[in-house]
PDB file of N, CA and C in Angstrom:
ATOM      1  N   MET A   1     -59.000  22.985 -80.758  1.00  0.00           N
ATOM      2  CA  MET A   1     -59.504  22.201 -79.649  1.00  0.00           C
ATOM      3  C   MET A   1     -58.331  21.478 -78.980  1.00  0.00           C
ATOM      4  N   SER A   2     -58.395  21.387 -77.676  1.00  0.00           N
ATOM      5  CA  SER A   2     -57.346  20.728 -76.906  1.00  0.00           C
ATOM      6  C   SER A   2     -57.401  19.217 -77.065  1.00  0.00           C
ATOM      7  N   GLN A   3     -56.275  18.596 -76.789  1.00  0.00           N
ATOM      8  CA  GLN A   3     -56.192  17.134 -76.771  1.00  0.00           C
ATOM      9  C   GLN A   3     -55.815  16.703 -75.364  1.00  0.00           C
ATOM     10  N   ASP A   4     -56.154  15.455 -75.012  1.00  0.00           N
ATOM     11  CA  ASP A   4     -55.765  14.921 -73.713  1.00  0.00           C
ATOM     12  C   ASP A   4     -54.247  14.997 -73.565  1.00  0.00           C
ATOM     13  N   LYS A   5     -53.787  15.250 -72.332  1.00  0.00           N
ATOM     14  CA  LYS A   5     -52.360  15.334 -72.030  1.00  0.00           C
ATOM     15  C   LYS A   5     -52.045  14.361 -70.911  1.00  0.00           C
ATOM     16  N   ASP A   6     -50.917  13.699 -71.006  1.00  0.00           N
ATOM     17  CA  ASP A   6     -50.440  12.871 -69.907  1.00  0.00           C
ATOM     18  C   ASP A   6     -49.489  13.711 -69.066  1.00  0.00           C
ATOM     19  N   LEU A   7     -49.771  13.784 -67.771  1.00  0.00           N
ATOM     20  CA  LEU A   7     -48.945  14.534 -66.834  1.00  0.00           C
ATOM     21  C   LEU A   7     -48.434  13.581 -65.761  1.00  0.00           C
ATOM     22  N   THR A   8     -47.362  13.968 -65.073  1.00  0.00           N
ATOM     23  CA  THR A   8     -46.810  13.165 -63.991  1.00  0.00           C
ATOM     24  C   THR A   8     -47.076  13.863 -62.667  1.00  0.00           C
ATOM     25  N   CYS A   9     -47.638  13.125 -61.721  1.00  0.00           N
ATOM     26  CA  CYS A   9     -47.972  13.659 -60.408  1.00  0.00           C
ATOM     27  C   CYS A   9     -46.695  13.967 -59.627  1.00  0.00           C
ATOM     28  N   LYS A  10     -46.631  15.179 -59.078  1.00  0.00           N
ATOM     29  CA  LYS A  10     -45.490  15.624 -58.288  1.00  0.00           C
ATOM     30  C   LYS A  10     -45.390  14.843 -56.976  1.00  0.00           C
ATOM     31  N   GLU A  11     -46.528  14.372 -56.478  1.00  0.00           N
ATOM     32  CA  GLU A  11     -46.579  13.706 -55.180  1.00  0.00           C
ATOM     33  C   GLU A  11     -46.190  12.229 -55.264  1.00  0.00           C
ATOM     34  N   CYS A  12     -46.860  11.466 -56.134  1.00  0.00           N
ATOM     35  CA  CYS A  12     -46.662  10.007 -56.156  1.00  0.00           C
ATOM     36  C   CYS A  12     -45.896   9.515 -57.382  1.00  0.00           C
ATOM     37  N   GLY A  13     -45.695  10.385 -58.388  1.00  0.00           N
ATOM     38  CA  GLY A  13     -44.944   9.998 -59.573  1.00  0.00           C
ATOM     39  C   GLY A  13     -45.741   9.252 -60.628  1.00  0.00           C
ATOM     40  N   GLN A  14     -47.024   9.010 -60.375  1.00  0.00           N
ATOM     41  CA  GLN A  14     -47.868   8.307 -61.346  1.00  0.00           C
ATOM     42  C   GLN A  14     -48.232   9.231 -62.505  1.00  0.00           C
ATOM     43  N   THR A  15     -48.420   8.649 -63.669  1.00  0.00           N
ATOM     44  CA  THR A  15     -48.888   9.397 -64.827  1.00  0.00           C
ATOM     45  C   THR A  15     -50.408   9.445 -64.774  1.00  0.00           C
ATOM     46  N   PHE A  16     -50.973  10.633 -65.042  1.00  0.00           N
ATOM     47  CA  PHE A  16     -52.424  10.767 -65.090  1.00  0.00           C
ATOM     48  C   PHE A  16     -52.801  11.596 -66.306  1.00  0.00           C
ATOM     49  N   THR A  17     -54.041  11.421 -66.769  1.00  0.00           N
ATOM     50  CA  THR A  17     -54.511  12.106 -67.967  1.00  0.00           C
ATOM     51  C   THR A  17     -55.252  13.375 -67.587  1.00  0.00           C
ATOM     52  N   PHE A  18     -54.828  14.472 -68.182  1.00  0.00           N
ATOM     53  CA  PHE A  18     -55.491  15.771 -68.057  1.00  0.00           C
ATOM     54  C   PHE A  18     -56.312  15.910 -69.337  1.00  0.00           C
ATOM     55  N   THR A  19     -57.607  15.600 -69.242  1.00  0.00           N
ATOM     56  CA  THR A  19     -58.442  15.513 -70.439  1.00  0.00           C
ATOM     57  C   THR A  19     -58.659  16.873 -71.089  1.00  0.00           C
ATOM     58  N   ALA A  20     -59.066  16.851 -72.349  1.00  0.00           N
ATOM     59  CA  ALA A  20     -59.360  18.084 -73.081  1.00  0.00           C
ATOM     60  C   ALA A  20     -60.438  18.882 -72.357  1.00  0.00           C
ATOM     61  N   GLY A  21     -61.455  18.196 -71.850  1.00  0.00           N
ATOM     62  CA  GLY A  21     -62.529  18.869 -71.115  1.00  0.00           C
ATOM     63  C   GLY A  21     -62.028  19.528 -69.845  1.00  0.00           C
ATOM     64  N   GLU A  22     -61.153  18.832 -69.113  1.00  0.00           N
ATOM     65  CA  GLU A  22     -60.568  19.405 -67.898  1.00  0.00           C
ATOM     66  C   GLU A  22     -59.708  20.622 -68.245  1.00  0.00           C
ATOM     67  N   GLN A  23     -58.955  20.532 -69.344  1.00  0.00           N
ATOM     68  CA  GLN A  23     -58.115  21.656 -69.759  1.00  0.00           C
ATOM     69  C   GLN A  23     -58.967  22.888 -70.045  1.00  0.00           C
ATOM     70  N   GLU A  24     -60.086  22.692 -70.750  1.00  0.00           N
ATOM     71  CA  GLU A  24     -60.973  23.813 -71.059  1.00  0.00           C
ATOM     72  C   GLU A  24     -61.559  24.405 -69.786  1.00  0.00           C
ATOM     73  N   PHE A  25     -61.970  23.539 -68.853  1.00  0.00           N
ATOM     74  CA  PHE A  25     -62.518  24.004 -67.581  1.00  0.00           C
ATOM     75  C   PHE A  25     -61.475  24.813 -66.813  1.00  0.00           C
ATOM     76  N   PHE A  26     -60.270  24.270 -66.673  1.00  0.00           N
ATOM     77  CA  PHE A  26     -59.208  24.954 -65.938  1.00  0.00           C
ATOM     78  C   PHE A  26     -58.908  26.301 -66.585  1.00  0.00           C
ATOM     79  N   GLN A  27     -58.808  26.318 -67.923  1.00  0.00           N
ATOM     80  CA  GLN A  27     -58.486  27.548 -68.637  1.00  0.00           C
ATOM     81  C   GLN A  27     -59.585  28.591 -68.454  1.00  0.00           C
ATOM     82  N   SER A  28     -60.849  28.165 -68.487  1.00  0.00           N
ATOM     83  CA  SER A  28     -61.961  29.108 -68.347  1.00  0.00           C
ATOM     84  C   SER A  28     -61.988  29.741 -66.961  1.00  0.00           C
ATOM     85  N   ARG A  29     -61.437  29.049 -65.966  1.00  0.00           N
ATOM     86  CA  ARG A  29     -61.392  29.559 -64.597  1.00  0.00           C
ATOM     87  C   ARG A  29     -60.073  30.269 -64.280  1.00  0.00           C
ATOM     88  N   GLY A  30     -59.132  30.221 -65.215  1.00  0.00           N
ATOM     89  CA  GLY A  30     -57.828  30.844 -64.985  1.00  0.00           C
ATOM     90  C   GLY A  30     -56.908  30.012 -64.106  1.00  0.00           C
ATOM     91  N   PHE A  31     -57.184  28.697 -63.990  1.00  0.00           N
ATOM     92  CA  PHE A  31     -56.362  27.808 -63.173  1.00  0.00           C
ATOM     93  C   PHE A  31     -55.156  27.321 -63.968  1.00  0.00           C
ATOM     94  N   SER A  32     -54.072  27.029 -63.255  1.00  0.00           N
ATOM     95  CA  SER A  32     -52.907  26.380 -63.861  1.00  0.00           C
ATOM     96  C   SER A  32     -53.209  24.900 -64.025  1.00  0.00           C
ATOM     97  N   GLU A  33     -52.446  24.226 -64.893  1.00  0.00           N
ATOM     98  CA  GLU A  33     -52.684  22.788 -65.022  1.00  0.00           C
ATOM     99  C   GLU A  33     -52.241  22.102 -63.737  1.00  0.00           C
ATOM    100  N   PRO A  34     -52.906  21.009 -63.378  1.00  0.00           N
ATOM    101  CA  PRO A  34     -52.626  20.348 -62.101  1.00  0.00           C
ATOM    102  C   PRO A  34     -51.230  19.738 -62.057  1.00  0.00           C
ATOM    103  N   ILE A  35     -50.656  19.717 -60.848  1.00  0.00           N
ATOM    104  CA  ILE A  35     -49.345  19.094 -60.660  1.00  0.00           C
ATOM    105  C   ILE A  35     -49.472  17.786 -59.886  1.00  0.00           C
ATOM    106  N   ARG A  36     -50.691  17.507 -59.390  1.00  0.00           N
ATOM    107  CA  ARG A  36     -50.958  16.266 -58.663  1.00  0.00           C
ATOM    108  C   ARG A  36     -52.136  15.540 -59.298  1.00  0.00           C
ATOM    109  N   CYS A  37     -52.132  14.212 -59.199  1.00  0.00           N
ATOM    110  CA  CYS A  37     -53.259  13.414 -59.690  1.00  0.00           C
ATOM    111  C   CYS A  37     -54.459  13.620 -58.758  1.00  0.00           C
ATOM    112  N   LYS A  38     -55.624  13.190 -59.191  1.00  0.00           N
ATOM    113  CA  LYS A  38     -56.843  13.388 -58.405  1.00  0.00           C
ATOM    114  C   LYS A  38     -56.741  12.726 -57.037  1.00  0.00           C
ATOM    115  N   THR A  39     -56.171  11.536 -56.969  1.00  0.00           N
ATOM    116  CA  THR A  39     -56.027  10.831 -55.693  1.00  0.00           C
ATOM    117  C   THR A  39     -55.199  11.654 -54.709  1.00  0.00           C
ATOM    118  N   CYS A  40     -54.066  12.178 -55.165  1.00  0.00           N
ATOM    119  CA  CYS A  40     -53.200  12.970 -54.291  1.00  0.00           C
ATOM    120  C   CYS A  40     -53.836  14.319 -53.952  1.00  0.00           C
ATOM    121  N   ARG A  41     -54.552  14.927 -54.914  1.00  0.00           N
ATOM    122  CA  ARG A  41     -55.258  16.186 -54.622  1.00  0.00           C
ATOM    123  C   ARG A  41     -56.307  15.970 -53.543  1.00  0.00           C
ATOM    124  N   ASP A  42     -57.079  14.887 -53.666  1.00  0.00           N
ATOM    125  CA  ASP A  42     -58.113  14.589 -52.672  1.00  0.00           C
ATOM    126  C   ASP A  42     -57.498  14.308 -51.303  1.00  0.00           C
ATOM    127  N   ARG A  43     -56.401  13.545 -51.276  1.00  0.00           N
ATOM    128  CA  ARG A  43     -55.724  13.236 -50.015  1.00  0.00           C
ATOM    129  C   ARG A  43     -55.212  14.520 -49.362  1.00  0.00           C
ATOM    130  N   ARG A  44     -54.611  15.385 -50.159  1.00  0.00           N
ATOM    131  CA  ARG A  44     -54.068  16.646 -49.648  1.00  0.00           C
ATOM    132  C   ARG A  44     -55.182  17.541 -49.105  1.00  0.00           C
ATOM    133  N   LYS A  45     -56.303  17.573 -49.825  1.00  0.00           N
ATOM    134  CA  LYS A  45     -57.453  18.369 -49.396  1.00  0.00           C
ATOM    135  C   LYS A  45     -57.985  17.857 -48.056  1.00  0.00           C
ATOM    136  N   ALA A  46     -58.065  16.532 -47.902  1.00  0.00           N
ATOM    137  CA  ALA A  46     -58.550  15.932 -46.659  1.00  0.00           C
ATOM    138  C   ALA A  46     -57.600  16.233 -45.498  1.00  0.00           C
ATOM    139  N   GLU A  47     -56.295  16.175 -45.749  1.00  0.00           N
ATOM    140  CA  GLU A  47     -55.317  16.478 -44.705  1.00  0.00           C
ATOM    141  C   GLU A  47     -55.441  17.922 -44.254  1.00  0.00           C
ATOM    142  N   LYS A  48     -55.626  18.839 -45.197  1.00  0.00           N
ATOM    143  CA  LYS A  48     -55.778  20.250 -44.837  1.00  0.00           C
ATOM    144  C   LYS A  48     -57.058  20.479 -44.045  1.00  0.00           C
ATOM    145  N   ALA A  49     -58.136  19.780 -44.411  1.00  0.00           N
ATOM    146  CA  ALA A  49     -59.406  19.922 -43.694  1.00  0.00           C
ATOM    147  C   ALA A  49     -59.248  19.453 -42.246  1.00  0.00           C
ATOM    148  N   GLU A  50     -58.493  18.377 -42.034  1.00  0.00           N
ATOM    149  CA  GLU A  50     -58.250  17.873 -40.681  1.00  0.00           C
ATOM    150  C   GLU A  50     -57.475  18.883 -39.846  1.00  0.00           C
ATOM    151  N   GLN A  51     -56.622  19.663 -40.490  1.00  0.00           N
ATOM    152  CA  GLN A  51     -55.813  20.643 -39.784  1.00  0.00           C
ATOM    153  C   GLN A  51     -56.560  21.952 -39.565  1.00  0.00           C
ATOM    154  N   GLY A  52     -57.772  22.053 -40.087  1.00  0.00           N
ATOM    155  CA  GLY A  52     -58.560  23.252 -39.868  1.00  0.00           C
ATOM    156  C   GLY A  52     -58.348  24.343 -40.885  1.00  0.00           C
ATOM    157  N   PHE A  53     -57.806  24.029 -42.064  1.00  0.00           N
ATOM    158  CA  PHE A  53     -57.571  25.052 -43.076  1.00  0.00           C
ATOM    159  C   PHE A  53     -58.652  25.092 -44.147  1.00  0.00           C
ATOM    160  N   GLY A  54     -59.688  24.294 -44.017  1.00  0.00           N
ATOM    161  CA  GLY A  54     -60.717  24.262 -45.057  1.00  0.00           C
ATOM    162  C   GLY A  54     -62.051  24.728 -44.530  1.00  0.00           C
ATOM    163  N   GLY A  55     -63.040  24.716 -45.394  1.00  0.00           N
ATOM    164  CA  GLY A  55     -64.393  24.991 -44.967  1.00  0.00           C
ATOM    165  C   GLY A  55     -64.839  26.423 -45.073  1.00  0.00           C
ATOM    166  N   GLY A  56     -63.993  27.339 -45.479  1.00  0.00           N
ATOM    167  CA  GLY A  56     -64.423  28.715 -45.680  1.00  0.00           C
ATOM    168  C   GLY A  56     -64.701  29.483 -44.406  1.00  0.00           C
ATOM    169  N   GLY A  57     -64.314  28.976 -43.273  1.00  0.00           N
ATOM    170  CA  GLY A  57     -64.582  29.663 -42.014  1.00  0.00           C
ATOM    171  C   GLY A  57     -63.459  30.579 -41.584  1.00  0.00           C
ATOM    172  N   GLY A  58     -62.611  30.979 -42.491  1.00  0.00           N
ATOM    173  CA  GLY A  58     -61.486  31.832 -42.119  1.00  0.00           C
ATOM    174  C   GLY A  58     -60.350  30.990 -41.568  1.00  0.00           C
ATOM    175  N   PHE A  59     -59.593  31.564 -40.670  1.00  0.00           N
ATOM    176  CA  PHE A  59     -58.440  30.875 -40.098  1.00  0.00           C
ATOM    177  C   PHE A  59     -58.901  29.947 -38.983  1.00  0.00           C
ATOM    178  N   GLY A  60     -59.188  28.712 -39.335  1.00  0.00           N
ATOM    179  CA  GLY A  60     -59.589  27.729 -38.351  1.00  0.00           C
ATOM    180  C   GLY A  60     -61.065  27.773 -37.999  1.00  0.00           C
ATOM    181  N   GLY A  61     -61.849  28.623 -38.621  1.00  0.00           N
ATOM    182  CA  GLY A  61     -63.283  28.670 -38.372  1.00  0.00           C
ATOM    183  C   GLY A  61     -63.643  29.187 -36.996  1.00  0.00           C
ATOM    184  N   GLY A  62     -62.917  30.169 -36.497  1.00  0.00           N
ATOM    185  CA  GLY A  62     -63.128  30.685 -35.151  1.00  0.00           C
ATOM    186  C   GLY A  62     -64.425  31.432 -34.933  1.00  0.00           C
ATOM    187  N   GLY A  63     -65.084  31.866 -35.984  1.00  0.00           N
ATOM    188  CA  GLY A  63     -66.330  32.600 -35.811  1.00  0.00           C
ATOM    189  C   GLY A  63     -66.096  34.068 -35.478  1.00  0.00           C
ATOM    190  N   ARG A  64     -67.180  34.841 -35.481  1.00  0.00           N
ATOM    191  CA  ARG A  64     -67.071  36.282 -35.206  1.00  0.00           C
ATOM    192  C   ARG A  64     -67.401  36.574 -33.757  1.00  0.00           C
ATOM    193  N   ARG A  65     -66.796  37.593 -33.257  1.00  0.00           N
ATOM    194  CA  ARG A  65     -67.117  38.050 -31.909  1.00  0.00           C
ATOM    195  C   ARG A  65     -67.863  39.370 -32.038  1.00  0.00           C
ATOM    196  N   GLY A  66     -68.928  39.497 -31.306  1.00  0.00           N
ATOM    197  CA  GLY A  66     -69.744  40.701 -31.439  1.00  0.00           C
ATOM    198  C   GLY A  66     -69.536  41.706 -30.326  1.00  0.00           C
ATOM    199  N   TRP A  67     -68.377  42.294 -30.269  1.00  0.00           N
ATOM    200  CA  TRP A  67     -68.158  43.345 -29.296  1.00  0.00           C
ATOM    201  C   TRP A  67     -67.893  44.663 -29.883  1.00  0.00           C
TER     202      TRP A  67
END
């Protein structure tokens, strides 16, 4: 069984805990361990959404043309 790990955020330099439960979740999905704390991940996600890179609508959510 995994144990909690202390990691350092690449963005702000703060130490954050990567819990055993989070490690199992990440591993089950094939994700790498995080390099940013939750605060910085959320901020980065919000910035990308403002720029039009989020939401699953493709490149900027332009929609389909039916011709």
